[in-house]
C-alpha atoms as a PDB file:
ATOM      1  CA  MET A   1    -189.905 -19.397  56.833  1.00  0.00           C
ATOM      2  CA  ALA A   2    -189.010 -16.546  55.262  1.00  0.00           C
ATOM      3  CA  LYS A   3    -191.467 -14.157  53.470  1.00  0.00           C
ATOM      4  CA  ILE A   4    -188.809 -12.324  50.812  1.00  0.00           C
ATOM      5  CA  LYS A   5    -186.577 -14.554  48.699  1.00  0.00           C
ATOM      6  CA  LYS A   6    -183.570 -14.001  46.413  1.00  0.00           C
ATOM      7  CA  GLY A   7    -185.747 -13.259  43.116  1.00  0.00           C
ATOM      8  CA  ASP A   8    -188.545 -11.512  44.152  1.00  0.00           C
ATOM      9  CA  LEU A   9    -189.923  -8.240  42.942  1.00  0.00           C
ATOM     10  CA  VAL A  10    -190.185  -5.860  45.564  1.00  0.00           C
ATOM     11  CA  GLN A  11    -191.545  -2.103  46.726  1.00  0.00           C
ATOM     12  CA  VAL A  12    -189.402   0.462  48.866  1.00  0.00           C
ATOM     13  CA  ILE A  13    -192.938   1.875  51.332  1.00  0.00           C
ATOM     14  CA  SER A  14    -191.080   3.422  53.835  1.00  0.00           C
ATOM     15  CA  GLY A  15    -188.501   6.374  53.663  1.00  0.00           C
ATOM     16  CA  PRO A  16    -188.051   9.449  51.676  1.00  0.00           C
ATOM     17  CA  SER A  17    -190.302   9.948  48.650  1.00  0.00           C
ATOM     18  CA  GLN A  18    -188.563  10.323  45.188  1.00  0.00           C
ATOM     19  CA  ALA A  19    -188.933  13.906  45.170  1.00  0.00           C
ATOM     20  CA  ARG A  20    -186.765  14.101  47.884  1.00  0.00           C
ATOM     21  CA  GLY A  21    -183.830  12.350  46.238  1.00  0.00           C
ATOM     22  CA  GLY A  22    -185.418   9.040  48.128  1.00  0.00           C
ATOM     23  CA  ASP A  23    -186.473   5.775  47.274  1.00  0.00           C
ATOM     24  CA  ARG A  24    -189.826   5.265  48.453  1.00  0.00           C
ATOM     25  CA  GLY A  25    -192.517   4.144  45.591  1.00  0.00           C
ATOM     26  CA  LYS A  26    -189.661   2.244  43.375  1.00  0.00           C
ATOM     27  CA  GLN A  27    -189.466  -1.013  42.616  1.00  0.00           C
ATOM     28  CA  GLY A  28    -186.815  -4.002  41.947  1.00  0.00           C
ATOM     29  CA  ARG A  29    -185.531  -7.859  42.456  1.00  0.00           C
ATOM     30  CA  VAL A  30    -184.044  -9.252  45.643  1.00  0.00           C
ATOM     31  CA  LYS A  31    -180.152 -10.034  45.178  1.00  0.00           C
ATOM     32  CA  GLU A  32    -179.581 -11.115  48.356  1.00  0.00           C
ATOM     33  CA  VAL A  33    -181.273 -11.965  51.669  1.00  0.00           C
ATOM     34  CA  LEU A  34    -179.078 -11.448  54.730  1.00  0.00           C
ATOM     35  CA  VAL A  35    -181.102 -13.529  57.198  1.00  0.00           C
ATOM     36  CA  GLU A  36    -178.982 -12.999  60.477  1.00  0.00           C
ATOM     37  CA  ARG A  37    -179.218  -9.019  59.706  1.00  0.00           C
ATOM     38  CA  ASN A  38    -182.932  -9.085  58.527  1.00  0.00           C
ATOM     39  CA  ARG A  39    -182.289  -6.858  55.510  1.00  0.00           C
ATOM     40  CA  VAL A  40    -182.394  -7.516  52.148  1.00  0.00           C
ATOM     41  CA  ILE A  41    -179.954  -6.188  48.981  1.00  0.00           C
ATOM     42  CA  VAL A  42    -182.229  -4.601  45.931  1.00  0.00           C
ATOM     43  CA  GLU A  43    -181.454  -4.515  42.463  1.00  0.00           C
ATOM     44  CA  GLY A  44    -181.011  -0.567  42.002  1.00  0.00           C
ATOM     45  CA  ILE A  45    -182.284   0.773  45.227  1.00  0.00           C
ATOM     46  CA  ASN A  46    -180.592   2.658  47.822  1.00  0.00           C
ATOM     47  CA  PHE A  47    -176.999   3.507  46.359  1.00  0.00           C
ATOM     48  CA  VAL A  48    -174.610   4.521  48.681  1.00  0.00           C
ATOM     49  CA  THR A  49    -170.957   6.064  46.971  1.00  0.00           C
ATOM     50  CA  LYS A  50    -167.898   4.384  48.591  1.00  0.00           C
ATOM     51  CA  HIS A  51    -164.400   6.064  48.379  1.00  0.00           C
ATOM     52  CA  THR A  52    -161.112   3.671  47.749  1.00  0.00           C
ATOM     53  CA  ARG A  53    -157.630   4.659  48.641  1.00  0.00           C
ATOM     54  CA  VAL A  54    -155.874   4.238  44.863  1.00  0.00           C
ATOM     55  CA  GLY A  55    -153.545   1.763  44.984  1.00  0.00           C
ATOM     56  CA  GLN A  56    -151.620  -0.223  42.675  1.00  0.00           C
ATOM     57  CA  THR A  57    -151.998  -3.815  41.500  1.00  0.00           C
ATOM     58  CA  GLN A  58    -149.078  -6.374  40.157  1.00  0.00           C
ATOM     59  CA  ARG A  59    -149.708  -5.451  36.575  1.00  0.00           C
ATOM     60  CA  GLY A  60    -149.072  -1.899  37.479  1.00  0.00           C
ATOM     61  CA  THR A  61    -152.653  -0.939  36.799  1.00  0.00           C
ATOM     62  CA  LYS A  62    -154.064   1.975  39.308  1.00  0.00           C
ATOM     63  CA  THR A  63    -157.023   1.203  41.150  1.00  0.00           C
ATOM     64  CA  GLY A  64    -159.189   3.214  43.648  1.00  0.00           C
ATOM     65  CA  GLY A  65    -161.651   6.064  43.311  1.00  0.00           C
ATOM     66  CA  LEU A  66    -165.801   6.373  43.618  1.00  0.00           C
ATOM     67  CA  GLU A  67    -167.684   2.996  43.652  1.00  0.00           C
ATOM     68  CA  THR A  68    -171.102   3.024  43.992  1.00  0.00           C
ATOM     69  CA  PHE A  69    -173.126  -0.173  45.142  1.00  0.00           C
ATOM     70  CA  GLU A  70    -176.383  -1.106  46.252  1.00  0.00           C
ATOM     71  CA  SER A  71    -176.276  -1.609  50.242  1.00  0.00           C
ATOM     72  CA  PRO A  72    -178.683  -3.094  52.484  1.00  0.00           C
ATOM     73  CA  ILE A  73    -182.162  -1.778  53.449  1.00  0.00           C
ATOM     74  CA  HIS A  74    -183.889  -3.554  56.487  1.00  0.00           C
ATOM     75  CA  ILE A  75    -186.951  -6.164  55.486  1.00  0.00           C
ATOM     76  CA  SER A  76    -189.730  -4.453  57.271  1.00  0.00           C
ATOM     77  CA  ASN A  77    -189.343  -1.384  54.707  1.00  0.00           C
ATOM     78  CA  VAL A  78    -189.592  -3.893  51.705  1.00  0.00           C
ATOM     79  CA  ALA A  79    -193.167  -5.132  50.699  1.00  0.00           C
ATOM     80  CA  LEU A  80    -193.640  -8.397  47.891  1.00  0.00           C
ATOM     81  CA  VAL A  81    -195.447  -7.098  45.080  1.00  0.00           C
ATOM     82  CA  ASP A  82    -198.407  -9.023  43.705  1.00  0.00           C
ATOM     83  CA  PRO A  83    -197.948 -10.065  40.149  1.00  0.00           C
ATOM     84  CA  LYS A  84    -201.553  -9.585  39.605  1.00  0.00           C
ATOM     85  CA  THR A  85    -201.933  -5.217  40.258  1.00  0.00           C
ATOM     86  CA  LYS A  86    -197.891  -4.580  40.463  1.00  0.00           C
ATOM     87  CA  LYS A  87    -198.912  -3.135  43.495  1.00  0.00           C
ATOM     88  CA  PRO A  88    -197.160  -3.678  47.150  1.00  0.00           C
ATOM     89  CA  THR A  89    -198.925  -6.889  48.933  1.00  0.00           C
ATOM     90  CA  ARG A  90    -198.675  -8.385  52.346  1.00  0.00           C
ATOM     91  CA  VAL A  91    -197.660 -12.519  52.446  1.00  0.00           C
ATOM     92  CA  GLY A  92    -199.239 -15.151  53.798  1.00  0.00           C
ATOM     93  CA  TYR A  93    -198.861 -19.253  53.584  1.00  0.00           C
ATOM     94  CA  ARG A  94    -201.250 -21.429  52.706  1.00  0.00           C
ATOM     95  CA  VAL A  95    -200.910 -25.379  53.074  1.00  0.00           C
ATOM     96  CA  GLU A  96    -201.203 -27.952  50.226  1.00  0.00           C
ATOM     97  CA  LYS A  97    -200.097 -31.192  49.671  1.00  0.00           C
ATOM     98  CA  ASN A  98    -198.335 -31.612  46.530  1.00  0.00           C
ATOM     99  CA  ALA A  99    -197.729 -34.514  44.245  1.00  0.00           C
ATOM    100  CA  GLU A 100    -196.165 -37.121  46.268  1.00  0.00           C
ATOM    101  CA  GLY A 101    -199.148 -36.321  49.431  1.00  0.00           C
ATOM    102  CA  LYS A 102    -196.406 -34.309  51.136  1.00  0.00           C
ATOM    103  CA  THR A 103    -197.540 -31.463  53.540  1.00  0.00           C
ATOM    104  CA  VAL A 104    -195.867 -27.912  51.730  1.00  0.00           C
ATOM    105  CA  ARG A 105    -196.391 -24.178  52.256  1.00  0.00           C
ATOM    106  CA  VAL A 106    -196.947 -22.266  49.600  1.00  0.00           C
ATOM    107  CA  ARG A 107    -196.682 -18.401  49.870  1.00  0.00           C
ATOM    108  CA  ILE A 108    -199.768 -16.237  48.421  1.00  0.00           C
ATOM    109  CA  SER A 109    -200.400 -12.492  48.073  1.00  0.00           C
ATOM    110  CA  LYS A 110    -203.429 -11.760  50.666  1.00  0.00           C
ATOM    111  CA  SER A 111    -205.162  -9.479  48.551  1.00  0.00           C
ATOM    112  CA  SER A 112    -205.280 -11.866  45.524  1.00  0.00           C
ATOM    113  CA  GLY A 113    -205.096 -14.842  46.779  1.00  0.00           C
ATOM    114  CA  GLU A 114    -202.733 -15.773  43.854  1.00  0.00           C
ATOM    115  CA  ASP A 115    -199.616 -17.939  45.021  1.00  0.00           C
ATOM    116  CA  LEU A 116    -196.752 -16.479  44.292  1.00  0.00           C
END
């Protein structure tokens, strides 16, 4: 079971600091989880610039130039943010029974014990 899911608020916990032009300490929402590559794409984090060749579409408009977009970051370099304290926290699971009596696993933050 994945600890980080799409839509979660995460914080970058490794890499260059913001003073050196990096993203450590920044928070953002997860846009996509790439499970097979153990990577996540976070909104506003790890921007890269891609140069695309100039071309022409059917209508005659020019395409190409510089494109900036978020690049994937390894899942171990981000930590889930606790909703109460707004600080990074570790994640655990608690086994509970739901309304129908089925056993389900619920994500909890380790520091506060609150469900995520």
